[in-house]
Amino acid sequence: MAEIIVHSSPLEPAAQPLLDGLVAEYDGRYGAVTRPGGARAEILRYPAEAYRPTLGDFLLVLRDGETIAGGAFMSHDDATVELKRIWTRPDLRRQGLAKRVVQALEASALRLGYTRAYLTTGFRQPEATALYASLGYRPLFDVTVDPVLYRSLPFEKALSPSGGVAATPVEPPAASFEEATARVNVLKAEQEQRLLARIAAHRARAA
């Protein structure tokens, strides 16, 4: 079987199995009514430009020309990327594909000059939590607390000795699931505004 990792975009036809797979996964685990527009609206929240070097990257694993796994990252600041859209086809899990994707994303981020990786995973995805912990990601939440009180579980990892992750404090849990949801929504809105500002600045420099 011929297997390769390629640079792509959420706009490419080859990326559609990944996007459709994520929609099915998230709506199946969390329900389509937990966010406006369901999982698809959240997955397409950011412009494709966010996943294009030097602000990001979008990788697919192709096996005999078929998309079987992939992932992406986008820039938070000059040092930090956020890993997004990590996916493996359900019938091919537990073969190390997700680990390979994460490591490829880390290597790409390093090549672009980033030194820290950040990511979040949902409270109903214990296998993802275990994967990131096994790859050296530090939880930014209290692991002894019910993950429902965070809803979105943040992690970080230094990609180089100057990554500077030691100073990042662990977040306290919310008092309720509703409070956790409100906190996550505020954080996502802030991150989206920062990303759009970085894209605008990148366009201005390129003009």
N, C-alpha and C. Protein backbone atom coordinates (compact mmCIF):
# COMPACT_ATOMS: atom_id res chain seq x y z
N MET A 1 0.84 -1.20 0.00
CA MET A 1 0.00 0.00 0.00
C MET A 1 0.88 1.24 0.00
N ALA A 2 0.63 2.14 -0.94
CA ALA A 2 1.38 3.39 -1.02
C ALA A 2 0.71 4.42 -0.11
N GLU A 3 1.48 4.96 0.86
CA GLU A 3 0.94 5.90 1.83
C GLU A 3 1.83 7.13 1.90
N ILE A 4 1.24 8.31 1.74
CA ILE A 4 2.02 9.55 1.76
C ILE A 4 1.26 10.61 2.56
N ILE A 5 2.00 11.61 3.03
CA ILE A 5 1.41 12.79 3.66
C ILE A 5 1.56 13.96 2.70
N VAL A 6 0.47 14.66 2.43
CA VAL A 6 0.49 15.77 1.48
C VAL A 6 -0.05 17.03 2.12
N HIS A 7 0.43 18.18 1.65
CA HIS A 7 -0.13 19.47 2.05
C HIS A 7 -1.40 19.69 1.25
N SER A 8 -2.45 20.16 1.93
CA SER A 8 -3.73 20.32 1.27
C SER A 8 -4.43 21.57 1.80
N SER A 9 -5.73 21.59 1.70
CA SER A 9 -6.56 22.71 2.13
C SER A 9 -7.96 22.18 2.39
N PRO A 10 -8.70 22.79 3.31
CA PRO A 10 -10.09 22.37 3.51
C PRO A 10 -10.97 22.59 2.29
N LEU A 11 -10.46 23.32 1.31
CA LEU A 11 -11.23 23.56 0.08
C LEU A 11 -11.00 22.47 -0.97
N GLU A 12 -9.99 21.63 -0.77
CA GLU A 12 -9.66 20.60 -1.76
C GLU A 12 -10.61 19.40 -1.64
N PRO A 13 -10.97 18.77 -2.77
CA PRO A 13 -11.83 17.58 -2.71
C PRO A 13 -11.26 16.49 -1.82
N ALA A 14 -9.94 16.34 -1.79
CA ALA A 14 -9.33 15.28 -0.99
C ALA A 14 -9.55 15.48 0.50
N ALA A 15 -9.86 16.71 0.91
CA ALA A 15 -10.09 16.99 2.33
C ALA A 15 -11.51 16.68 2.77
N GLN A 16 -12.41 16.45 1.83
CA GLN A 16 -13.82 16.27 2.21
C GLN A 16 -14.07 15.05 3.08
N PRO A 17 -13.40 13.91 2.85
CA PRO A 17 -13.61 12.78 3.77
C PRO A 17 -13.25 13.13 5.21
N LEU A 18 -12.18 13.91 5.39
CA LEU A 18 -11.80 14.33 6.73
C LEU A 18 -12.87 15.24 7.34
N LEU A 19 -13.32 16.24 6.59
CA LEU A 19 -14.32 17.16 7.12
C LEU A 19 -15.63 16.45 7.41
N ASP A 20 -16.07 15.59 6.49
CA ASP A 20 -17.31 14.85 6.71
C ASP A 20 -17.18 13.89 7.90
N GLY A 21 -16.00 13.29 8.03
CA GLY A 21 -15.77 12.38 9.14
C GLY A 21 -15.80 13.10 10.48
N LEU A 22 -15.23 14.30 10.53
CA LEU A 22 -15.26 15.08 11.77
C LEU A 22 -16.69 15.49 12.12
N VAL A 23 -17.46 15.89 11.13
CA VAL A 23 -18.85 16.27 11.38
C VAL A 23 -19.62 15.09 11.98
N ALA A 24 -19.48 13.92 11.38
CA ALA A 24 -20.17 12.75 11.88
C ALA A 24 -19.71 12.40 13.30
N GLU A 25 -18.41 12.52 13.53
CA GLU A 25 -17.84 12.20 14.85
C GLU A 25 -18.37 13.14 15.92
N TYR A 26 -18.28 14.43 15.66
CA TYR A 26 -18.67 15.41 16.68
C TYR A 26 -20.18 15.44 16.90
N ASP A 27 -20.96 15.40 15.81
CA ASP A 27 -22.41 15.39 15.99
C ASP A 27 -22.86 14.11 16.68
N GLY A 28 -22.17 13.00 16.41
CA GLY A 28 -22.50 11.74 17.06
C GLY A 28 -22.20 11.74 18.54
N ARG A 29 -21.11 12.38 18.93
CA ARG A 29 -20.71 12.38 20.34
C ARG A 29 -21.39 13.47 21.16
N TYR A 30 -21.61 14.62 20.52
CA TYR A 30 -22.10 15.77 21.27
C TYR A 30 -23.50 16.23 20.87
N GLY A 31 -24.00 15.73 19.75
CA GLY A 31 -25.31 16.14 19.29
C GLY A 31 -25.23 17.39 18.42
N ALA A 32 -26.00 17.41 17.38
CA ALA A 32 -25.96 18.52 16.43
C ALA A 32 -26.52 19.81 17.01
N VAL A 33 -27.27 19.72 18.11
CA VAL A 33 -27.92 20.92 18.66
C VAL A 33 -27.07 21.60 19.72
N THR A 34 -25.88 21.07 20.01
CA THR A 34 -25.07 21.67 21.07
C THR A 34 -24.37 22.95 20.62
N ARG A 35 -24.36 23.25 19.35
CA ARG A 35 -23.78 24.49 18.84
C ARG A 35 -24.56 24.92 17.60
N PRO A 36 -24.69 26.23 17.36
CA PRO A 36 -25.43 26.70 16.18
C PRO A 36 -24.82 26.15 14.90
N GLY A 37 -25.66 25.51 14.09
CA GLY A 37 -25.18 24.97 12.83
C GLY A 37 -24.53 23.60 12.95
N GLY A 38 -24.48 23.07 14.17
CA GLY A 38 -23.87 21.76 14.37
C GLY A 38 -22.36 21.80 14.17
N ALA A 39 -21.77 20.62 14.10
CA ALA A 39 -20.32 20.52 14.00
C ALA A 39 -19.78 21.13 12.71
N ARG A 40 -20.53 21.05 11.62
CA ARG A 40 -20.01 21.57 10.35
C ARG A 40 -19.74 23.07 10.43
N ALA A 41 -20.63 23.80 11.09
CA ALA A 41 -20.42 25.24 11.22
C ALA A 41 -19.15 25.53 12.02
N GLU A 42 -18.89 24.75 13.05
CA GLU A 42 -17.69 24.96 13.85
C GLU A 42 -16.44 24.58 13.06
N ILE A 43 -16.49 23.47 12.33
CA ILE A 43 -15.34 23.02 11.57
C ILE A 43 -14.97 24.01 10.47
N LEU A 44 -15.98 24.66 9.89
CA LEU A 44 -15.73 25.64 8.83
C LEU A 44 -15.69 27.07 9.36
N ARG A 45 -15.49 27.21 10.64
CA ARG A 45 -15.51 28.52 11.30
C ARG A 45 -14.40 29.44 10.79
N TYR A 46 -13.26 28.86 10.47
CA TYR A 46 -12.09 29.66 10.11
C TYR A 46 -11.87 29.60 8.60
N PRO A 47 -11.40 30.69 8.01
CA PRO A 47 -11.14 30.69 6.56
C PRO A 47 -10.01 29.73 6.21
N ALA A 48 -10.05 29.21 5.00
CA ALA A 48 -9.02 28.26 4.56
C ALA A 48 -7.64 28.87 4.64
N GLU A 49 -7.55 30.19 4.51
CA GLU A 49 -6.27 30.88 4.59
C GLU A 49 -5.57 30.66 5.93
N ALA A 50 -6.34 30.37 6.97
CA ALA A 50 -5.74 30.14 8.29
C ALA A 50 -4.86 28.90 8.31
N TYR A 51 -5.09 28.00 7.37
CA TYR A 51 -4.34 26.74 7.33
C TYR A 51 -3.29 26.72 6.21
N ARG A 52 -2.88 27.91 5.79
CA ARG A 52 -1.91 28.01 4.70
C ARG A 52 -0.61 28.63 5.23
N PRO A 53 0.54 28.03 4.94
CA PRO A 53 1.81 28.62 5.39
C PRO A 53 1.90 30.08 4.94
N THR A 54 2.41 30.97 5.80
CA THR A 54 3.12 30.68 7.03
C THR A 54 2.23 30.72 8.28
N LEU A 55 0.96 30.94 8.11
CA LEU A 55 0.05 31.02 9.25
C LEU A 55 -0.42 29.65 9.71
N GLY A 56 -0.27 28.65 8.91
CA GLY A 56 -0.75 27.33 9.31
C GLY A 56 -0.39 26.27 8.29
N ASP A 57 -0.99 25.11 8.45
CA ASP A 57 -0.78 24.02 7.50
C ASP A 57 -1.97 23.07 7.61
N PHE A 58 -2.19 22.31 6.55
CA PHE A 58 -3.30 21.36 6.49
C PHE A 58 -2.76 20.11 5.80
N LEU A 59 -2.67 19.02 6.54
CA LEU A 59 -2.04 17.80 6.04
C LEU A 59 -3.05 16.67 5.93
N LEU A 60 -2.88 15.86 4.89
CA LEU A 60 -3.70 14.67 4.70
C LEU A 60 -2.80 13.45 4.54
N VAL A 61 -3.23 12.33 5.11
CA VAL A 61 -2.56 11.05 4.86
C VAL A 61 -3.36 10.34 3.78
N LEU A 62 -2.71 10.04 2.67
CA LEU A 62 -3.34 9.34 1.56
C LEU A 62 -2.77 7.94 1.46
N ARG A 63 -3.63 6.96 1.36
CA ARG A 63 -3.22 5.58 1.15
C ARG A 63 -3.82 5.12 -0.17
N ASP A 64 -2.94 4.82 -1.12
CA ASP A 64 -3.39 4.47 -2.47
C ASP A 64 -4.36 5.51 -3.01
N GLY A 65 -4.05 6.78 -2.74
CA GLY A 65 -4.84 7.88 -3.25
C GLY A 65 -6.09 8.21 -2.46
N GLU A 66 -6.37 7.47 -1.39
CA GLU A 66 -7.58 7.68 -0.60
C GLU A 66 -7.23 8.37 0.72
N THR A 67 -8.01 9.37 1.11
CA THR A 67 -7.77 10.09 2.36
C THR A 67 -8.18 9.22 3.54
N ILE A 68 -7.21 8.94 4.42
CA ILE A 68 -7.51 8.07 5.57
C ILE A 68 -7.25 8.76 6.91
N ALA A 69 -6.57 9.90 6.90
CA ALA A 69 -6.30 10.63 8.15
C ALA A 69 -5.83 12.02 7.78
N GLY A 70 -5.73 12.88 8.80
CA GLY A 70 -5.23 14.22 8.54
C GLY A 70 -5.34 15.10 9.75
N GLY A 71 -4.94 16.35 9.56
CA GLY A 71 -5.00 17.33 10.64
C GLY A 71 -4.46 18.65 10.15
N ALA A 72 -4.52 19.65 11.01
CA ALA A 72 -4.12 21.00 10.61
C ALA A 72 -3.63 21.77 11.83
N PHE A 73 -3.05 22.94 11.56
CA PHE A 73 -2.80 23.89 12.63
C PHE A 73 -2.95 25.29 12.09
N MET A 74 -3.20 26.22 13.02
CA MET A 74 -3.29 27.64 12.67
C MET A 74 -2.56 28.44 13.73
N SER A 75 -2.16 29.64 13.36
CA SER A 75 -1.31 30.47 14.21
C SER A 75 -2.11 31.24 15.25
N HIS A 76 -1.64 31.17 16.51
CA HIS A 76 -2.19 32.01 17.58
C HIS A 76 -1.40 33.30 17.73
N ASP A 77 -0.08 33.16 17.66
CA ASP A 77 0.83 34.30 17.75
C ASP A 77 2.13 33.88 17.08
N ASP A 78 3.17 34.68 17.24
CA ASP A 78 4.41 34.38 16.53
C ASP A 78 5.08 33.11 17.04
N ALA A 79 4.72 32.65 18.23
CA ALA A 79 5.35 31.46 18.80
C ALA A 79 4.45 30.23 18.80
N THR A 80 3.14 30.43 18.82
CA THR A 80 2.20 29.35 19.12
C THR A 80 1.28 29.01 17.96
N VAL A 81 1.12 27.71 17.73
CA VAL A 81 0.10 27.22 16.81
C VAL A 81 -0.93 26.41 17.59
N GLU A 82 -2.13 26.36 17.05
CA GLU A 82 -3.16 25.49 17.62
C GLU A 82 -3.42 24.35 16.65
N LEU A 83 -3.27 23.12 17.12
CA LEU A 83 -3.58 21.96 16.31
C LEU A 83 -5.09 21.80 16.22
N LYS A 84 -5.56 21.49 15.00
CA LYS A 84 -7.00 21.38 14.75
C LYS A 84 -7.26 20.18 13.83
N ARG A 85 -8.49 19.74 13.80
CA ARG A 85 -9.01 18.82 12.78
C ARG A 85 -8.25 17.49 12.70
N ILE A 86 -7.76 17.00 13.84
CA ILE A 86 -7.07 15.71 13.85
C ILE A 86 -8.12 14.60 13.66
N TRP A 87 -7.92 13.79 12.64
CA TRP A 87 -8.93 12.76 12.31
C TRP A 87 -8.28 11.55 11.69
N THR A 88 -8.82 10.38 12.02
CA THR A 88 -8.45 9.12 11.37
C THR A 88 -9.73 8.38 11.00
N ARG A 89 -9.76 7.78 9.86
CA ARG A 89 -10.94 7.02 9.46
C ARG A 89 -11.24 5.95 10.51
N PRO A 90 -12.50 5.82 10.95
CA PRO A 90 -12.81 4.96 12.08
C PRO A 90 -12.32 3.52 11.96
N ASP A 91 -12.40 2.94 10.76
CA ASP A 91 -12.00 1.54 10.62
C ASP A 91 -10.49 1.35 10.58
N LEU A 92 -9.73 2.45 10.61
CA LEU A 92 -8.27 2.35 10.55
C LEU A 92 -7.61 2.90 11.81
N ARG A 93 -8.37 3.04 12.88
CA ARG A 93 -7.80 3.58 14.11
C ARG A 93 -6.97 2.51 14.83
N ARG A 94 -6.16 3.00 15.77
CA ARG A 94 -5.24 2.15 16.53
C ARG A 94 -4.13 1.57 15.65
N GLN A 95 -3.79 2.30 14.60
CA GLN A 95 -2.66 1.92 13.74
C GLN A 95 -1.54 2.97 13.78
N GLY A 96 -1.66 3.96 14.67
CA GLY A 96 -0.64 4.98 14.78
C GLY A 96 -0.78 6.14 13.81
N LEU A 97 -1.89 6.21 13.09
CA LEU A 97 -2.05 7.27 12.10
C LEU A 97 -2.19 8.65 12.74
N ALA A 98 -2.97 8.75 13.82
CA ALA A 98 -3.14 10.04 14.48
C ALA A 98 -1.81 10.53 15.04
N LYS A 99 -1.04 9.63 15.62
CA LYS A 99 0.28 10.00 16.14
C LYS A 99 1.16 10.52 15.01
N ARG A 100 1.11 9.86 13.87
CA ARG A 100 1.91 10.28 12.73
C ARG A 100 1.49 11.67 12.26
N VAL A 101 0.19 11.93 12.25
CA VAL A 101 -0.32 13.24 11.83
C VAL A 101 0.16 14.33 12.78
N VAL A 102 0.01 14.09 14.08
CA VAL A 102 0.42 15.09 15.05
C VAL A 102 1.91 15.39 14.93
N GLN A 103 2.71 14.37 14.79
CA GLN A 103 4.16 14.58 14.66
C GLN A 103 4.52 15.32 13.38
N ALA A 104 3.79 15.05 12.31
CA ALA A 104 4.03 15.77 11.06
C ALA A 104 3.63 17.24 11.19
N LEU A 105 2.56 17.51 11.90
CA LEU A 105 2.13 18.89 12.13
C LEU A 105 3.16 19.63 12.99
N GLU A 106 3.66 18.96 14.02
CA GLU A 106 4.68 19.58 14.87
C GLU A 106 5.92 19.93 14.06
N ALA A 107 6.34 19.02 13.20
CA ALA A 107 7.53 19.26 12.38
C ALA A 107 7.30 20.42 11.43
N SER A 108 6.11 20.51 10.84
CA SER A 108 5.79 21.61 9.94
C SER A 108 5.80 22.93 10.69
N ALA A 109 5.21 22.95 11.89
CA ALA A 109 5.18 24.17 12.69
C ALA A 109 6.59 24.64 13.04
N LEU A 110 7.44 23.70 13.39
CA LEU A 110 8.83 24.05 13.69
C LEU A 110 9.52 24.66 12.48
N ARG A 111 9.29 24.09 11.31
CA ARG A 111 9.91 24.62 10.10
C ARG A 111 9.46 26.05 9.82
N LEU A 112 8.24 26.37 10.24
CA LEU A 112 7.72 27.73 10.02
C LEU A 112 8.13 28.68 11.14
N GLY A 113 8.88 28.18 12.12
CA GLY A 113 9.41 29.05 13.16
C GLY A 113 8.63 29.07 14.46
N TYR A 114 7.60 28.25 14.59
CA TYR A 114 6.82 28.20 15.83
C TYR A 114 7.51 27.30 16.86
N THR A 115 7.32 27.63 18.14
CA THR A 115 8.01 26.89 19.19
C THR A 115 7.07 26.27 20.22
N ARG A 116 5.78 26.51 20.10
CA ARG A 116 4.81 25.99 21.06
C ARG A 116 3.56 25.54 20.33
N ALA A 117 3.01 24.40 20.77
CA ALA A 117 1.75 23.90 20.22
C ALA A 117 0.69 23.90 21.32
N TYR A 118 -0.51 24.25 20.94
CA TYR A 118 -1.66 24.29 21.84
C TYR A 118 -2.78 23.53 21.14
N LEU A 119 -3.64 22.88 21.90
CA LEU A 119 -4.79 22.21 21.30
C LEU A 119 -5.85 22.01 22.37
N THR A 120 -7.06 21.73 21.93
CA THR A 120 -8.13 21.35 22.83
C THR A 120 -8.83 20.12 22.27
N THR A 121 -9.40 19.35 23.15
CA THR A 121 -10.21 18.22 22.73
C THR A 121 -11.45 18.17 23.61
N GLY A 122 -12.50 17.54 23.12
CA GLY A 122 -13.76 17.54 23.83
C GLY A 122 -13.77 16.59 25.01
N PHE A 123 -14.69 16.86 25.94
CA PHE A 123 -14.76 16.08 27.17
C PHE A 123 -15.28 14.66 26.95
N ARG A 124 -15.80 14.36 25.78
CA ARG A 124 -16.26 13.01 25.47
C ARG A 124 -15.32 12.29 24.51
N GLN A 125 -14.05 12.67 24.51
CA GLN A 125 -13.06 12.05 23.63
C GLN A 125 -11.84 11.57 24.44
N PRO A 126 -12.05 10.60 25.31
CA PRO A 126 -10.95 10.15 26.17
C PRO A 126 -9.78 9.56 25.40
N GLU A 127 -10.04 8.98 24.23
CA GLU A 127 -8.95 8.42 23.45
C GLU A 127 -8.04 9.53 22.91
N ALA A 128 -8.63 10.69 22.58
CA ALA A 128 -7.82 11.82 22.13
C ALA A 128 -6.99 12.37 23.29
N THR A 129 -7.61 12.46 24.46
CA THR A 129 -6.88 12.91 25.65
C THR A 129 -5.68 12.02 25.92
N ALA A 130 -5.88 10.72 25.81
CA ALA A 130 -4.78 9.77 26.04
C ALA A 130 -3.70 9.91 24.98
N LEU A 131 -4.09 10.13 23.73
CA LEU A 131 -3.11 10.30 22.65
C LEU A 131 -2.21 11.50 22.93
N TYR A 132 -2.81 12.65 23.24
CA TYR A 132 -2.01 13.85 23.43
C TYR A 132 -1.10 13.73 24.64
N ALA A 133 -1.59 13.11 25.70
CA ALA A 133 -0.74 12.89 26.88
C ALA A 133 0.45 12.01 26.52
N SER A 134 0.20 10.98 25.68
CA SER A 134 1.28 10.07 25.31
C SER A 134 2.33 10.74 24.44
N LEU A 135 1.95 11.84 23.78
CA LEU A 135 2.87 12.56 22.91
C LEU A 135 3.54 13.74 23.61
N GLY A 136 3.37 13.81 24.92
CA GLY A 136 4.07 14.83 25.69
C GLY A 136 3.33 16.14 25.87
N TYR A 137 2.04 16.17 25.58
CA TYR A 137 1.26 17.38 25.78
C TYR A 137 0.86 17.51 27.25
N ARG A 138 1.01 18.70 27.77
CA ARG A 138 0.73 18.98 29.18
C ARG A 138 -0.71 19.46 29.33
N PRO A 139 -1.52 18.82 30.17
CA PRO A 139 -2.90 19.29 30.36
C PRO A 139 -2.93 20.63 31.09
N LEU A 140 -3.71 21.54 30.58
CA LEU A 140 -3.90 22.85 31.21
C LEU A 140 -5.22 22.86 31.97
N PHE A 141 -5.59 21.72 32.50
CA PHE A 141 -6.81 21.57 33.29
C PHE A 141 -6.51 20.58 34.41
N ASP A 142 -7.34 20.58 35.41
CA ASP A 142 -7.19 19.68 36.55
C ASP A 142 -7.67 18.29 36.15
N VAL A 143 -6.76 17.36 36.03
CA VAL A 143 -7.11 16.02 35.54
C VAL A 143 -7.92 15.23 36.57
N THR A 144 -8.01 15.71 37.81
CA THR A 144 -8.79 15.01 38.84
C THR A 144 -10.25 15.44 38.85
N VAL A 145 -10.58 16.46 38.05
CA VAL A 145 -11.94 17.02 38.03
C VAL A 145 -12.73 16.42 36.87
N ASP A 146 -14.03 16.30 37.04
CA ASP A 146 -14.91 15.83 35.97
C ASP A 146 -14.69 16.71 34.73
N PRO A 147 -14.30 16.14 33.58
CA PRO A 147 -14.04 16.96 32.39
C PRO A 147 -15.24 17.73 31.89
N VAL A 148 -16.44 17.34 32.30
CA VAL A 148 -17.64 18.10 31.93
C VAL A 148 -17.53 19.55 32.38
N LEU A 149 -16.82 19.78 33.49
CA LEU A 149 -16.70 21.13 34.03
C LEU A 149 -15.67 21.97 33.28
N TYR A 150 -15.09 21.40 32.26
CA TYR A 150 -14.23 22.16 31.33
C TYR A 150 -14.83 22.21 29.93
N ARG A 151 -15.53 21.16 29.58
CA ARG A 151 -16.11 20.95 28.24
C ARG A 151 -15.04 20.81 27.18
N SER A 152 -14.16 21.78 27.05
CA SER A 152 -13.06 21.73 26.10
C SER A 152 -11.76 21.64 26.90
N LEU A 153 -10.99 20.57 26.67
CA LEU A 153 -9.81 20.28 27.48
C LEU A 153 -8.55 20.78 26.78
N PRO A 154 -7.86 21.79 27.33
CA PRO A 154 -6.69 22.36 26.68
C PRO A 154 -5.38 21.65 27.05
N PHE A 155 -4.48 21.58 26.08
CA PHE A 155 -3.15 21.02 26.26
C PHE A 155 -2.13 21.94 25.61
N GLU A 156 -0.86 21.81 26.03
CA GLU A 156 0.22 22.53 25.37
C GLU A 156 1.47 21.67 25.35
N LYS A 157 2.39 22.04 24.45
CA LYS A 157 3.66 21.33 24.35
C LYS A 157 4.71 22.26 23.76
N ALA A 158 5.89 22.23 24.32
CA ALA A 158 7.01 22.98 23.74
C ALA A 158 7.55 22.20 22.56
N LEU A 159 7.65 22.87 21.43
CA LEU A 159 8.20 22.25 20.23
C LEU A 159 9.70 22.44 20.14
N SER A 160 10.22 23.32 20.99
CA SER A 160 11.65 23.54 21.06
C SER A 160 11.98 23.95 22.49
N PRO A 161 13.25 23.95 22.90
CA PRO A 161 13.59 24.34 24.27
C PRO A 161 13.14 25.74 24.65
N SER A 162 12.90 26.60 23.67
CA SER A 162 12.45 27.97 23.95
C SER A 162 10.93 28.10 23.88
N GLY A 163 10.21 26.98 23.92
CA GLY A 163 8.76 27.02 23.81
C GLY A 163 8.07 27.74 24.95
N GLY A 164 8.69 27.75 26.14
CA GLY A 164 8.18 28.54 27.25
C GLY A 164 6.83 28.12 27.78
N VAL A 165 6.58 26.80 27.94
CA VAL A 165 5.26 26.37 28.39
C VAL A 165 5.13 26.31 29.89
N ALA A 166 6.23 26.38 30.63
CA ALA A 166 6.16 26.17 32.07
C ALA A 166 5.34 27.23 32.78
N ALA A 167 5.25 28.45 32.21
CA ALA A 167 4.56 29.54 32.89
C ALA A 167 3.05 29.51 32.69
N THR A 168 2.55 28.66 31.84
CA THR A 168 1.11 28.64 31.56
C THR A 168 0.38 27.98 32.73
N PRO A 169 -0.53 28.69 33.38
CA PRO A 169 -1.22 28.10 34.54
C PRO A 169 -2.29 27.10 34.14
N VAL A 170 -2.57 26.19 35.04
CA VAL A 170 -3.68 25.25 34.85
C VAL A 170 -4.98 26.00 35.11
N GLU A 171 -5.96 25.81 34.24
CA GLU A 171 -7.22 26.52 34.38
C GLU A 171 -8.09 25.87 35.45
N PRO A 172 -8.79 26.66 36.27
CA PRO A 172 -9.71 26.08 37.25
C PRO A 172 -10.98 25.60 36.55
N PRO A 173 -11.66 24.63 37.11
CA PRO A 173 -12.91 24.17 36.50
C PRO A 173 -14.02 25.19 36.66
N ALA A 174 -15.01 25.10 35.81
CA ALA A 174 -16.20 25.93 35.96
C ALA A 174 -17.09 25.34 37.04
N ALA A 175 -18.08 26.09 37.45
CA ALA A 175 -19.00 25.61 38.47
C ALA A 175 -20.06 24.69 37.89
N SER A 176 -20.27 24.75 36.59
CA SER A 176 -21.30 23.94 35.95
C SER A 176 -20.95 23.77 34.48
N PHE A 177 -21.66 22.85 33.83
CA PHE A 177 -21.47 22.64 32.39
C PHE A 177 -21.84 23.89 31.61
N GLU A 178 -22.90 24.56 32.05
CA GLU A 178 -23.34 25.78 31.37
C GLU A 178 -22.28 26.87 31.47
N GLU A 179 -21.68 27.01 32.65
CA GLU A 179 -20.62 28.00 32.80
C GLU A 179 -19.40 27.63 31.95
N ALA A 180 -19.09 26.33 31.90
CA ALA A 180 -17.97 25.88 31.07
C ALA A 180 -18.23 26.19 29.61
N THR A 181 -19.45 25.98 29.15
CA THR A 181 -19.82 26.27 27.77
C THR A 181 -19.65 27.75 27.46
N ALA A 182 -20.12 28.60 28.36
CA ALA A 182 -19.99 30.04 28.16
C ALA A 182 -18.53 30.45 28.11
N ARG A 183 -17.72 29.86 28.97
CA ARG A 183 -16.28 30.17 29.00
C ARG A 183 -15.62 29.77 27.69
N VAL A 184 -15.95 28.59 27.18
CA VAL A 184 -15.37 28.12 25.92
C VAL A 184 -15.79 29.02 24.77
N ASN A 185 -17.05 29.42 24.76
CA ASN A 185 -17.52 30.29 23.67
C ASN A 185 -16.78 31.63 23.66
N VAL A 186 -16.53 32.20 24.83
CA VAL A 186 -15.78 33.46 24.91
C VAL A 186 -14.36 33.26 24.41
N LEU A 187 -13.73 32.17 24.84
CA LEU A 187 -12.36 31.90 24.43
C LEU A 187 -12.26 31.73 22.92
N LYS A 188 -13.19 30.99 22.33
CA LYS A 188 -13.16 30.78 20.88
C LYS A 188 -13.36 32.08 20.13
N ALA A 189 -14.25 32.93 20.63
CA ALA A 189 -14.47 34.21 19.97
C ALA A 189 -13.21 35.07 20.02
N GLU A 190 -12.51 35.06 21.16
CA GLU A 190 -11.27 35.82 21.28
C GLU A 190 -10.20 35.28 20.34
N GLN A 191 -10.09 33.95 20.28
CA GLN A 191 -9.10 33.34 19.40
C GLN A 191 -9.40 33.64 17.94
N GLU A 192 -10.68 33.62 17.59
CA GLU A 192 -11.06 33.91 16.20
C GLU A 192 -10.69 35.34 15.82
N GLN A 193 -10.91 36.28 16.73
CA GLN A 193 -10.56 37.67 16.43
C GLN A 193 -9.06 37.85 16.26
N ARG A 194 -8.27 37.16 17.10
CA ARG A 194 -6.82 37.25 16.97
C ARG A 194 -6.36 36.65 15.65
N LEU A 195 -6.97 35.52 15.28
CA LEU A 195 -6.59 34.87 14.03
C LEU A 195 -6.92 35.75 12.83
N LEU A 196 -8.11 36.34 12.83
CA LEU A 196 -8.50 37.19 11.71
C LEU A 196 -7.58 38.41 11.61
N ALA A 197 -7.16 38.92 12.76
CA ALA A 197 -6.22 40.04 12.75
C ALA A 197 -4.88 39.62 12.18
N ARG A 198 -4.42 38.42 12.50
CA ARG A 198 -3.15 37.93 11.96
C ARG A 198 -3.26 37.72 10.45
N ILE A 199 -4.39 37.21 9.99
CA ILE A 199 -4.59 37.03 8.55
C ILE A 199 -4.56 38.38 7.85
N ALA A 200 -5.24 39.37 8.42
CA ALA A 200 -5.26 40.71 7.81
C ALA A 200 -3.87 41.30 7.75
N ALA A 201 -3.09 41.13 8.82
CA ALA A 201 -1.73 41.66 8.83
C ALA A 201 -0.87 40.93 7.81
N HIS A 202 -1.07 39.62 7.68
CA HIS A 202 -0.32 38.83 6.71
C HIS A 202 -0.63 39.30 5.29
N ARG A 203 -1.90 39.56 5.02
CA ARG A 203 -2.28 40.05 3.69
C ARG A 203 -1.65 41.41 3.41
N ALA A 204 -1.63 42.28 4.43
CA ALA A 204 -1.08 43.62 4.24
C ALA A 204 0.42 43.55 3.92
N ARG A 205 1.13 42.63 4.60
CA ARG A 205 2.56 42.51 4.34
C ARG A 205 2.82 41.98 2.95
N ALA A 206 1.92 41.11 2.47
CA ALA A 206 2.11 40.49 1.16
C ALA A 206 1.71 41.41 0.02
N ALA A 207 0.96 42.46 0.32
CA ALA A 207 0.46 43.36 -0.73
C ALA A 207 1.59 44.21 -1.31
